[in-house]
Amino acid sequence: MSDHKKMAAMFKAFADENRIQILELLRDGERCACMLLEEMKITQPTLSHHMKILCDAGVVVGRKEGKWMHYSISEDGIRDVRNYLDELMANTKGEDDSPESCS
């Protein structure tokens, strides 16, 4: 996957209020899918959809225990997002704040 596609997938993962809420719930550590279902008051298929997007983006990791999945925030995934944003901002530091002219 190209870096641009990877970053687009990561930012897509952050672009939904349910997924933001899931990330906030995972902030304190690993959670079982059953706990996420209970706290979010959503259906299992809806949770599965959101978790697939978060996991495919590399922002969340899951592990199976018995019949339940347990999810946690991926430190590597969050570090990748942070590094990308740092690189993006490093390219703008020290530049004149006025827009360039197209003419």
PDB file of N, CA and C in Angstrom:
ATOM      1  N   MET A   1       0.860  -1.182   0.000  1.00  0.00           N
ATOM      2  CA  MET A   1       0.000   0.000   0.000  1.00  0.00           C
ATOM      3  C   MET A   1       0.901   1.239   0.000  1.00  0.00           C
ATOM      4  N   SER A   2       0.612   2.184  -0.881  1.00  0.00           N
ATOM      5  CA  SER A   2       1.415   3.403  -0.939  1.00  0.00           C
ATOM      6  C   SER A   2       1.195   4.231   0.325  1.00  0.00           C
ATOM      7  N   ASP A   3       2.147   5.103   0.607  1.00  0.00           N
ATOM      8  CA  ASP A   3       2.020   5.956   1.788  1.00  0.00           C
ATOM      9  C   ASP A   3       0.769   6.820   1.722  1.00  0.00           C
ATOM     10  N   HIS A   4       0.439   7.306   0.518  1.00  0.00           N
ATOM     11  CA  HIS A   4      -0.762   8.144   0.385  1.00  0.00           C
ATOM     12  C   HIS A   4      -2.023   7.350   0.681  1.00  0.00           C
ATOM     13  N   LYS A   5      -2.091   6.118   0.174  1.00  0.00           N
ATOM     14  CA  LYS A   5      -3.262   5.279   0.432  1.00  0.00           C
ATOM     15  C   LYS A   5      -3.345   4.922   1.912  1.00  0.00           C
ATOM     16  N   LYS A   6      -2.198   4.647   2.516  1.00  0.00           N
ATOM     17  CA  LYS A   6      -2.160   4.312   3.939  1.00  0.00           C
ATOM     18  C   LYS A   6      -2.658   5.486   4.785  1.00  0.00           C
ATOM     19  N   MET A   7      -2.183   6.675   4.472  1.00  0.00           N
ATOM     20  CA  MET A   7      -2.617   7.848   5.237  1.00  0.00           C
ATOM     21  C   MET A   7      -4.095   8.142   4.998  1.00  0.00           C
ATOM     22  N   ALA A   8      -4.568   7.966   3.766  1.00  0.00           N
ATOM     23  CA  ALA A   8      -5.994   8.187   3.478  1.00  0.00           C
ATOM     24  C   ALA A   8      -6.849   7.216   4.290  1.00  0.00           C
ATOM     25  N   ALA A   9      -6.419   5.955   4.391  1.00  0.00           N
ATOM     26  CA  ALA A   9      -7.168   4.969   5.177  1.00  0.00           C
ATOM     27  C   ALA A   9      -7.162   5.355   6.656  1.00  0.00           C
ATOM     28  N   MET A  10      -6.029   5.841   7.129  1.00  0.00           N
ATOM     29  CA  MET A  10      -5.961   6.237   8.535  1.00  0.00           C
ATOM     30  C   MET A  10      -6.877   7.422   8.815  1.00  0.00           C
ATOM     31  N   PHE A  11      -6.842   8.422   7.941  1.00  0.00           N
ATOM     32  CA  PHE A  11      -7.701   9.574   8.189  1.00  0.00           C
ATOM     33  C   PHE A  11      -9.176   9.236   7.996  1.00  0.00           C
ATOM     34  N   LYS A  12      -9.480   8.287   7.121  1.00  0.00           N
ATOM     35  CA  LYS A  12     -10.862   7.807   7.001  1.00  0.00           C
ATOM     36  C   LYS A  12     -11.305   7.192   8.327  1.00  0.00           C
ATOM     37  N   ALA A  13     -10.387   6.483   8.977  1.00  0.00           N
ATOM     38  CA  ALA A  13     -10.713   5.852  10.266  1.00  0.00           C
ATOM     39  C   ALA A  13     -11.098   6.902  11.308  1.00  0.00           C
ATOM     40  N   PHE A  14     -10.503   8.080  11.221  1.00  0.00           N
ATOM     41  CA  PHE A  14     -10.804   9.149  12.180  1.00  0.00           C
ATOM     42  C   PHE A  14     -12.009   9.993  11.773  1.00  0.00           C
ATOM     43  N   ALA A  15     -12.559   9.738  10.597  1.00  0.00           N
ATOM     44  CA  ALA A  15     -13.581  10.626  10.033  1.00  0.00           C
ATOM     45  C   ALA A  15     -15.013  10.185  10.311  1.00  0.00           C
ATOM     46  N   ASP A  16     -15.246   9.565  11.436  1.00  0.00           N
ATOM     47  CA  ASP A  16     -16.595   9.130  11.784  1.00  0.00           C
ATOM     48  C   ASP A  16     -16.748   9.240  13.300  1.00  0.00           C
ATOM     49  N   GLU A  17     -17.847   9.823  13.751  1.00  0.00           N
ATOM     50  CA  GLU A  17     -18.008  10.044  15.193  1.00  0.00           C
ATOM     51  C   GLU A  17     -18.088   8.744  15.989  1.00  0.00           C
ATOM     52  N   ASN A  18     -18.637   7.676  15.399  1.00  0.00           N
ATOM     53  CA  ASN A  18     -18.656   6.389  16.110  1.00  0.00           C
ATOM     54  C   ASN A  18     -17.245   5.840  16.296  1.00  0.00           C
ATOM     55  N   ARG A  19     -16.409   5.973  15.248  1.00  0.00           N
ATOM     56  CA  ARG A  19     -15.042   5.476  15.358  1.00  0.00           C
ATOM     57  C   ARG A  19     -14.222   6.320  16.335  1.00  0.00           C
ATOM     58  N   ILE A  20     -14.486   7.600  16.377  1.00  0.00           N
ATOM     59  CA  ILE A  20     -13.818   8.462  17.371  1.00  0.00           C
ATOM     60  C   ILE A  20     -14.225   8.011  18.771  1.00  0.00           C
ATOM     61  N   GLN A  21     -15.502   7.721  18.967  1.00  0.00           N
ATOM     62  CA  GLN A  21     -15.966   7.245  20.275  1.00  0.00           C
ATOM     63  C   GLN A  21     -15.311   5.913  20.635  1.00  0.00           C
ATOM     64  N   ILE A  22     -15.169   5.021  19.664  1.00  0.00           N
ATOM     65  CA  ILE A  22     -14.500   3.738  19.913  1.00  0.00           C
ATOM     66  C   ILE A  22     -13.059   3.992  20.351  1.00  0.00           C
ATOM     67  N   LEU A  23     -12.357   4.872  19.651  1.00  0.00           N
ATOM     68  CA  LEU A  23     -10.976   5.185  20.018  1.00  0.00           C
ATOM     69  C   LEU A  23     -10.897   5.764  21.425  1.00  0.00           C
ATOM     70  N   GLU A  24     -11.852   6.600  21.780  1.00  0.00           N
ATOM     71  CA  GLU A  24     -11.869   7.159  23.138  1.00  0.00           C
ATOM     72  C   GLU A  24     -12.091   6.059  24.177  1.00  0.00           C
ATOM     73  N   LEU A  25     -12.939   5.098  23.861  1.00  0.00           N
ATOM     74  CA  LEU A  25     -13.159   3.980  24.789  1.00  0.00           C
ATOM     75  C   LEU A  25     -11.910   3.107  24.916  1.00  0.00           C
ATOM     76  N   LEU A  26     -11.159   2.984  23.829  1.00  0.00           N
ATOM     77  CA  LEU A  26      -9.950   2.166  23.844  1.00  0.00           C
ATOM     78  C   LEU A  26      -8.750   2.899  24.440  1.00  0.00           C
ATOM     79  N   ARG A  27      -8.892   4.175  24.651  1.00  0.00           N
ATOM     80  CA  ARG A  27      -7.793   4.982  25.185  1.00  0.00           C
ATOM     81  C   ARG A  27      -7.281   4.438  26.513  1.00  0.00           C
ATOM     82  N   ASP A  28      -8.175   3.888  27.317  1.00  0.00           N
ATOM     83  CA  ASP A  28      -7.796   3.373  28.631  1.00  0.00           C
ATOM     84  C   ASP A  28      -7.282   1.935  28.590  1.00  0.00           C
ATOM     85  N   GLY A  29      -7.227   1.341  27.403  1.00  0.00           N
ATOM     86  CA  GLY A  29      -6.712  -0.019  27.280  1.00  0.00           C
ATOM     87  C   GLY A  29      -7.652  -0.912  26.488  1.00  0.00           C
ATOM     88  N   GLU A  30      -7.256  -2.157  26.393  1.00  0.00           N
ATOM     89  CA  GLU A  30      -7.989  -3.141  25.603  1.00  0.00           C
ATOM     90  C   GLU A  30      -9.425  -3.307  26.092  1.00  0.00           C
ATOM     91  N   ARG A  31     -10.319  -3.474  25.126  1.00  0.00           N
ATOM     92  CA  ARG A  31     -11.735  -3.721  25.436  1.00  0.00           C
ATOM     93  C   ARG A  31     -12.251  -4.866  24.589  1.00  0.00           C
ATOM     94  N   CYS A  32     -13.091  -5.663  25.186  1.00  0.00           N
ATOM     95  CA  CYS A  32     -13.785  -6.738  24.488  1.00  0.00           C
ATOM     96  C   CYS A  32     -14.883  -6.110  23.614  1.00  0.00           C
ATOM     97  N   ALA A  33     -15.140  -6.731  22.467  1.00  0.00           N
ATOM     98  CA  ALA A  33     -16.203  -6.243  21.592  1.00  0.00           C
ATOM     99  C   ALA A  33     -17.539  -6.180  22.326  1.00  0.00           C
ATOM    100  N   CYS A  34     -17.771  -7.125  23.227  1.00  0.00           N
ATOM    101  CA  CYS A  34     -19.038  -7.119  23.969  1.00  0.00           C
ATOM    102  C   CYS A  34     -19.163  -5.859  24.819  1.00  0.00           C
ATOM    103  N   MET A  35     -18.069  -5.385  25.375  1.00  0.00           N
ATOM    104  CA  MET A  35     -18.094  -4.156  26.179  1.00  0.00           C
ATOM    105  C   MET A  35     -18.330  -2.934  25.290  1.00  0.00           C
ATOM    106  N   LEU A  36     -17.701  -2.923  24.118  1.00  0.00           N
ATOM    107  CA  LEU A  36     -17.911  -1.815  23.187  1.00  0.00           C
ATOM    108  C   LEU A  36     -19.366  -1.769  22.735  1.00  0.00           C
ATOM    109  N   LEU A  37     -19.935  -2.935  22.449  1.00  0.00           N
ATOM    110  CA  LEU A  37     -21.344  -2.999  22.046  1.00  0.00           C
ATOM    111  C   LEU A  37     -22.243  -2.421  23.124  1.00  0.00           C
ATOM    112  N   GLU A  38     -21.973  -2.794  24.346  1.00  0.00           N
ATOM    113  CA  GLU A  38     -22.785  -2.342  25.469  1.00  0.00           C
ATOM    114  C   GLU A  38     -22.671  -0.833  25.673  1.00  0.00           C
ATOM    115  N   GLU A  39     -21.464  -0.326  25.627  1.00  0.00           N
ATOM    116  CA  GLU A  39     -21.249   1.096  25.889  1.00  0.00           C
ATOM    117  C   GLU A  39     -21.718   1.982  24.749  1.00  0.00           C
ATOM    118  N   MET A  40     -21.609   1.500  23.523  1.00  0.00           N
ATOM    119  CA  MET A  40     -21.971   2.329  22.373  1.00  0.00           C
ATOM    120  C   MET A  40     -23.436   2.199  21.985  1.00  0.00           C
ATOM    121  N   LYS A  41     -24.068   1.136  22.424  1.00  0.00           N
ATOM    122  CA  LYS A  41     -25.474   0.897  22.084  1.00  0.00           C
ATOM    123  C   LYS A  41     -25.677   0.866  20.563  1.00  0.00           C
ATOM    124  N   ILE A  42     -24.838   0.053  19.905  1.00  0.00           N
ATOM    125  CA  ILE A  42     -24.958  -0.171  18.472  1.00  0.00           C
ATOM    126  C   ILE A  42     -25.062  -1.682  18.245  1.00  0.00           C
ATOM    127  N   THR A  43     -25.421  -2.063  17.027  1.00  0.00           N
ATOM    128  CA  THR A  43     -25.549  -3.486  16.726  1.00  0.00           C
ATOM    129  C   THR A  43     -24.177  -4.104  16.449  1.00  0.00           C
ATOM    130  N   GLN A  44     -24.118  -5.414  16.528  1.00  0.00           N
ATOM    131  CA  GLN A  44     -22.868  -6.121  16.276  1.00  0.00           C
ATOM    132  C   GLN A  44     -22.374  -5.901  14.841  1.00  0.00           C
ATOM    133  N   PRO A  45     -23.242  -5.947  13.827  1.00  0.00           N
ATOM    134  CA  PRO A  45     -22.750  -5.685  12.462  1.00  0.00           C
ATOM    135  C   PRO A  45     -22.181  -4.272  12.301  1.00  0.00           C
ATOM    136  N   THR A  46     -22.800  -3.305  12.977  1.00  0.00           N
ATOM    137  CA  THR A  46     -22.298  -1.929  12.913  1.00  0.00           C
ATOM    138  C   THR A  46     -20.924  -1.832  13.561  1.00  0.00           C
ATOM    139  N   LEU A  47     -20.759  -2.463  14.717  1.00  0.00           N
ATOM    140  CA  LEU A  47     -19.454  -2.463  15.374  1.00  0.00           C
ATOM    141  C   LEU A  47     -18.424  -3.149  14.486  1.00  0.00           C
ATOM    142  N   SER A  48     -18.772  -4.280  13.907  1.00  0.00           N
ATOM    143  CA  SER A  48     -17.843  -4.996  13.028  1.00  0.00           C
ATOM    144  C   SER A  48     -17.388  -4.122  11.862  1.00  0.00           C
ATOM    145  N   HIS A  49     -18.315  -3.389  11.281  1.00  0.00           N
ATOM    146  CA  HIS A  49     -17.994  -2.476  10.173  1.00  0.00           C
ATOM    147  C   HIS A  49     -16.961  -1.438  10.623  1.00  0.00           C
ATOM    148  N   HIS A  50     -17.218  -0.797  11.755  1.00  0.00           N
ATOM    149  CA  HIS A  50     -16.298   0.238  12.247  1.00  0.00           C
ATOM    150  C   HIS A  50     -14.946  -0.354  12.644  1.00  0.00           C
ATOM    151  N   MET A  51     -14.960  -1.537  13.256  1.00  0.00           N
ATOM    152  CA  MET A  51     -13.700  -2.148  13.679  1.00  0.00           C
ATOM    153  C   MET A  51     -12.876  -2.578  12.467  1.00  0.00           C
ATOM    154  N   LYS A  52     -13.525  -3.010  11.404  1.00  0.00           N
ATOM    155  CA  LYS A  52     -12.795  -3.375  10.183  1.00  0.00           C
ATOM    156  C   LYS A  52     -12.065  -2.159   9.628  1.00  0.00           C
ATOM    157  N   ILE A  53     -12.726  -1.035   9.587  1.00  0.00           N
ATOM    158  CA  ILE A  53     -12.097   0.190   9.075  1.00  0.00           C
ATOM    159  C   ILE A  53     -10.923   0.597   9.967  1.00  0.00           C
ATOM    160  N   LEU A  54     -11.127   0.552  11.275  1.00  0.00           N
ATOM    161  CA  LEU A  54     -10.054   0.931  12.210  1.00  0.00           C
ATOM    162  C   LEU A  54      -8.880  -0.039  12.121  1.00  0.00           C
ATOM    163  N   CYS A  55      -9.157  -1.327  12.032  1.00  0.00           N
ATOM    164  CA  CYS A  55      -8.082  -2.329  11.946  1.00  0.00           C
ATOM    165  C   CYS A  55      -7.370  -2.274  10.596  1.00  0.00           C
ATOM    166  N   ASP A  56      -8.131  -2.145   9.504  1.00  0.00           N
ATOM    167  CA  ASP A  56      -7.520  -2.067   8.173  1.00  0.00           C
ATOM    168  C   ASP A  56      -6.608  -0.846   8.058  1.00  0.00           C
ATOM    169  N   ALA A  57      -6.946   0.221   8.763  1.00  0.00           N
ATOM    170  CA  ALA A  57      -6.134   1.438   8.749  1.00  0.00           C
ATOM    171  C   ALA A  57      -4.893   1.299   9.624  1.00  0.00           C
ATOM    172  N   GLY A  58      -4.862   0.265  10.447  1.00  0.00           N
ATOM    173  CA  GLY A  58      -3.723   0.070  11.325  1.00  0.00           C
ATOM    174  C   GLY A  58      -3.779   0.879  12.604  1.00  0.00           C
ATOM    175  N   VAL A  59      -4.922   1.496  12.871  1.00  0.00           N
ATOM    176  CA  VAL A  59      -5.095   2.335  14.055  1.00  0.00           C
ATOM    177  C   VAL A  59      -5.459   1.489  15.274  1.00  0.00           C
ATOM    178  N   VAL A  60      -6.136   0.366  15.036  1.00  0.00           N
ATOM    179  CA  VAL A  60      -6.570  -0.539  16.097  1.00  0.00           C
ATOM    180  C   VAL A  60      -6.105  -1.948  15.741  1.00  0.00           C
ATOM    181  N   VAL A  61      -5.772  -2.717  16.752  1.00  0.00           N
ATOM    182  CA  VAL A  61      -5.438  -4.138  16.557  1.00  0.00           C
ATOM    183  C   VAL A  61      -6.438  -4.973  17.350  1.00  0.00           C
ATOM    184  N   GLY A  62      -6.708  -6.161  16.839  1.00  0.00           N
ATOM    185  CA  GLY A  62      -7.637  -7.058  17.514  1.00  0.00           C
ATOM    186  C   GLY A  62      -7.007  -8.419  17.749  1.00  0.00           C
ATOM    187  N   ARG A  63      -7.472  -9.073  18.793  1.00  0.00           N
ATOM    188  CA  ARG A  63      -7.045 -10.448  19.057  1.00  0.00           C
ATOM    189  C   ARG A  63      -8.268 -11.219  19.515  1.00  0.00           C
ATOM    190  N   LYS A  64      -8.340 -12.457  19.061  1.00  0.00           N
ATOM    191  CA  LYS A  64      -9.488 -13.307  19.393  1.00  0.00           C
ATOM    192  C   LYS A  64      -9.201 -14.065  20.682  1.00  0.00           C
ATOM    193  N   GLU A  65     -10.190 -14.047  21.557  1.00  0.00           N
ATOM    194  CA  GLU A  65     -10.123 -14.830  22.791  1.00  0.00           C
ATOM    195  C   GLU A  65     -11.483 -15.503  22.959  1.00  0.00           C
ATOM    196  N   GLY A  66     -11.492 -16.809  22.804  1.00  0.00           N
ATOM    197  CA  GLY A  66     -12.773 -17.508  22.832  1.00  0.00           C
ATOM    198  C   GLY A  66     -13.602 -17.064  21.649  1.00  0.00           C
ATOM    199  N   LYS A  67     -14.853 -16.704  21.935  1.00  0.00           N
ATOM    200  CA  LYS A  67     -15.722 -16.258  20.838  1.00  0.00           C
ATOM    201  C   LYS A  67     -15.686 -14.752  20.630  1.00  0.00           C
ATOM    202  N   TRP A  68     -14.964 -14.007  21.481  1.00  0.00           N
ATOM    203  CA  TRP A  68     -14.954 -12.552  21.409  1.00  0.00           C
ATOM    204  C   TRP A  68     -13.638 -12.008  20.900  1.00  0.00           C
ATOM    205  N   MET A  69     -13.735 -10.869  20.228  1.00  0.00           N
ATOM    206  CA  MET A  69     -12.551 -10.117  19.818  1.00  0.00           C
ATOM    207  C   MET A  69     -12.262  -9.085  20.898  1.00  0.00           C
ATOM    208  N   HIS A  70     -10.998  -8.862  21.126  1.00  0.00           N
ATOM    209  CA  HIS A  70     -10.540  -7.841  22.062  1.00  0.00           C
ATOM    210  C   HIS A  70      -9.719  -6.839  21.255  1.00  0.00           C
ATOM    211  N   TYR A  71     -10.022  -5.564  21.430  1.00  0.00           N
ATOM    212  CA  TYR A  71      -9.401  -4.521  20.614  1.00  0.00           C
ATOM    213  C   TYR A  71      -8.598  -3.564  21.478  1.00  0.00           C
ATOM    214  N   SER A  72      -7.544  -3.032  20.868  1.00  0.00           N
ATOM    215  CA  SER A  72      -6.750  -1.991  21.523  1.00  0.00           C
ATOM    216  C   SER A  72      -6.187  -1.066  20.453  1.00  0.00           C
ATOM    217  N   ILE A  73      -5.788   0.125  20.870  1.00  0.00           N
ATOM    218  CA  ILE A  73      -5.185   1.084  19.963  1.00  0.00           C
ATOM    219  C   ILE A  73      -3.792   0.589  19.596  1.00  0.00           C
ATOM    220  N   SER A  74      -3.459   0.708  18.337  1.00  0.00           N
ATOM    221  CA  SER A  74      -2.138   0.324  17.847  1.00  0.00           C
ATOM    222  C   SER A  74      -1.167   1.481  18.043  1.00  0.00           C
ATOM    223  N   GLU A  75      -0.177   1.275  18.887  1.00  0.00           N
ATOM    224  CA  GLU A  75       0.828   2.324  19.102  1.00  0.00           C
ATOM    225  C   GLU A  75       1.573   2.629  17.807  1.00  0.00           C
ATOM    226  N   ASP A  76       1.852   1.598  17.013  1.00  0.00           N
ATOM    227  CA  ASP A  76       2.533   1.808  15.735  1.00  0.00           C
ATOM    228  C   ASP A  76       1.682   2.644  14.785  1.00  0.00           C
ATOM    229  N   GLY A  77       0.393   2.337  14.716  1.00  0.00           N
ATOM    230  CA  GLY A  77      -0.498   3.080  13.835  1.00  0.00           C
ATOM    231  C   GLY A  77      -0.611   4.543  14.238  1.00  0.00           C
ATOM    232  N   ILE A  78      -0.757   4.793  15.523  1.00  0.00           N
ATOM    233  CA  ILE A  78      -0.861   6.177  16.002  1.00  0.00           C
ATOM    234  C   ILE A  78       0.454   6.914  15.763  1.00  0.00           C
ATOM    235  N   ARG A  79       1.574   6.216  15.946  1.00  0.00           N
ATOM    236  CA  ARG A  79       2.881   6.828  15.694  1.00  0.00           C
ATOM    237  C   ARG A  79       3.015   7.204  14.217  1.00  0.00           C
ATOM    238  N   ASP A  80       2.526   6.349  13.316  1.00  0.00           N
ATOM    239  CA  ASP A  80       2.571   6.659  11.882  1.00  0.00           C
ATOM    240  C   ASP A  80       1.780   7.920  11.565  1.00  0.00           C
ATOM    241  N   VAL A  81       0.583   8.046  12.136  1.00  0.00           N
ATOM    242  CA  VAL A  81      -0.234   9.244  11.913  1.00  0.00           C
ATOM    243  C   VAL A  81       0.491  10.475  12.451  1.00  0.00           C
ATOM    244  N   ARG A  82       1.007  10.364  13.662  1.00  0.00           N
ATOM    245  CA  ARG A  82       1.723  11.488  14.289  1.00  0.00           C
ATOM    246  C   ARG A  82       2.942  11.888  13.441  1.00  0.00           C
ATOM    247  N   ASN A  83       3.716  10.907  12.976  1.00  0.00           N
ATOM    248  CA  ASN A  83       4.892  11.202  12.153  1.00  0.00           C
ATOM    249  C   ASN A  83       4.502  11.889  10.854  1.00  0.00           C
ATOM    250  N   TYR A  84       3.415  11.431  10.236  1.00  0.00           N
ATOM    251  CA  TYR A  84       2.951  12.047   8.999  1.00  0.00           C
ATOM    252  C   TYR A  84       2.583  13.508   9.238  1.00  0.00           C
ATOM    253  N   LEU A  85       1.839  13.768  10.292  1.00  0.00           N
ATOM    254  CA  LEU A  85       1.442  15.141  10.596  1.00  0.00           C
ATOM    255  C   LEU A  85       2.652  16.003  10.931  1.00  0.00           C
ATOM    256  N   ASP A  86       3.611  15.451  11.666  1.00  0.00           N
ATOM    257  CA  ASP A  86       4.837  16.193  11.978  1.00  0.00           C
ATOM    258  C   ASP A  86       5.597  16.551  10.702  1.00  0.00           C
ATOM    259  N   GLU A  87       5.708  15.590   9.766  1.00  0.00           N
ATOM    260  CA  GLU A  87       6.380  15.857   8.493  1.00  0.00           C
ATOM    261  C   GLU A  87       5.640  16.914   7.691  1.00  0.00           C
ATOM    262  N   LEU A  88       4.338  16.825   7.676  1.00  0.00           N
ATOM    263  CA  LEU A  88       3.522  17.787   6.950  1.00  0.00           C
ATOM    264  C   LEU A  88       3.731  19.183   7.506  1.00  0.00           C
ATOM    265  N   MET A  89       3.730  19.308   8.822  1.00  0.00           N
ATOM    266  CA  MET A  89       3.902  20.612   9.459  1.00  0.00           C
ATOM    267  C   MET A  89       5.340  21.119   9.344  1.00  0.00           C
ATOM    268  N   ALA A  90       6.317  20.229   9.313  1.00  0.00           N
ATOM    269  CA  ALA A  90       7.718  20.637   9.182  1.00  0.00           C
ATOM    270  C   ALA A  90       7.945  21.344   7.855  1.00  0.00           C
ATOM    271  N   ASN A  91       7.185  20.972   6.851  1.00  0.00           N
ATOM    272  CA  ASN A  91       7.332  21.600   5.535  1.00  0.00           C
ATOM    273  C   ASN A  91       6.726  22.993   5.482  1.00  0.00           C
ATOM    274  N   THR A  92       5.931  23.370   6.468  1.00  0.00           N
ATOM    275  CA  THR A  92       5.293  24.684   6.449  1.00  0.00           C
ATOM    276  C   THR A  92       5.942  25.661   7.423  1.00  0.00           C
ATOM    277  N   LYS A  93       6.788  25.178   8.318  1.00  0.00           N
ATOM    278  CA  LYS A  93       7.404  26.060   9.314  1.00  0.00           C
ATOM    279  C   LYS A  93       8.373  27.027   8.654  1.00  0.00           C
ATOM    280  N   GLY A  94       8.293  28.264   9.123  1.00  0.00           N
ATOM    281  CA  GLY A  94       9.224  29.271   8.664  1.00  0.00           C
ATOM    282  C   GLY A  94       8.881  29.903   7.329  1.00  0.00           C
ATOM    283  N   GLU A  95       7.848  29.439   6.684  1.00  0.00           N
ATOM    284  CA  GLU A  95       7.456  30.029   5.418  1.00  0.00           C
ATOM    285  C   GLU A  95       6.608  31.257   5.670  1.00  0.00           C
ATOM    286  N   ASP A  96       6.629  32.156   4.692  1.00  0.00           N
ATOM    287  CA  ASP A  96       5.796  33.346   4.751  1.00  0.00           C
ATOM    288  C   ASP A  96       4.338  32.914   4.818  1.00  0.00           C
ATOM    289  N   ASP A  97       3.541  33.546   5.678  1.00  0.00           N
ATOM    290  CA  ASP A  97       2.141  33.177   5.825  1.00  0.00           C
ATOM    291  C   ASP A  97       1.272  33.647   4.664  1.00  0.00           C
ATOM    292  N   SER A  98       1.803  34.512   3.803  1.00  0.00           N
ATOM    293  CA  SER A  98       0.977  35.009   2.704  1.00  0.00           C
ATOM    294  C   SER A  98       0.901  33.954   1.612  1.00  0.00           C
ATOM    295  N   PRO A  99      -0.263  33.813   0.985  1.00  0.00           N
ATOM    296  CA  PRO A  99      -0.424  32.817  -0.076  1.00  0.00           C
ATOM    297  C   PRO A  99       0.406  33.176  -1.298  1.00  0.00           C
ATOM    298  N   GLU A 100       0.864  32.148  -2.009  1.00  0.00           N
ATOM    299  CA  GLU A 100       1.603  32.402  -3.231  1.00  0.00           C
ATOM    300  C   GLU A 100       0.645  32.853  -4.323  1.00  0.00           C
ATOM    301  N   SER A 101       1.153  33.682  -5.196  1.00  0.00           N
ATOM    302  CA  SER A 101       0.354  34.154  -6.300  1.00  0.00           C
ATOM    303  C   SER A 101       0.388  33.127  -7.423  1.00  0.00           C
ATOM    304  N   CYS A 102      -0.730  32.929  -8.068  1.00  0.00           N
ATOM    305  CA  CYS A 102      -0.790  31.982  -9.183  1.00  0.00           C
ATOM    306  C   CYS A 102      -0.397  32.643 -10.489  1.00  0.00           C
ATOM    307  N   SER A 103      -0.292  33.962 -10.478  1.00  0.00           N
ATOM    308  CA  SER A 103      -0.022  34.645 -11.746  1.00  0.00           C
ATOM    309  C   SER A 103       1.441  34.759 -12.042  1.00  0.00           C
TER     310      SER A 103
END
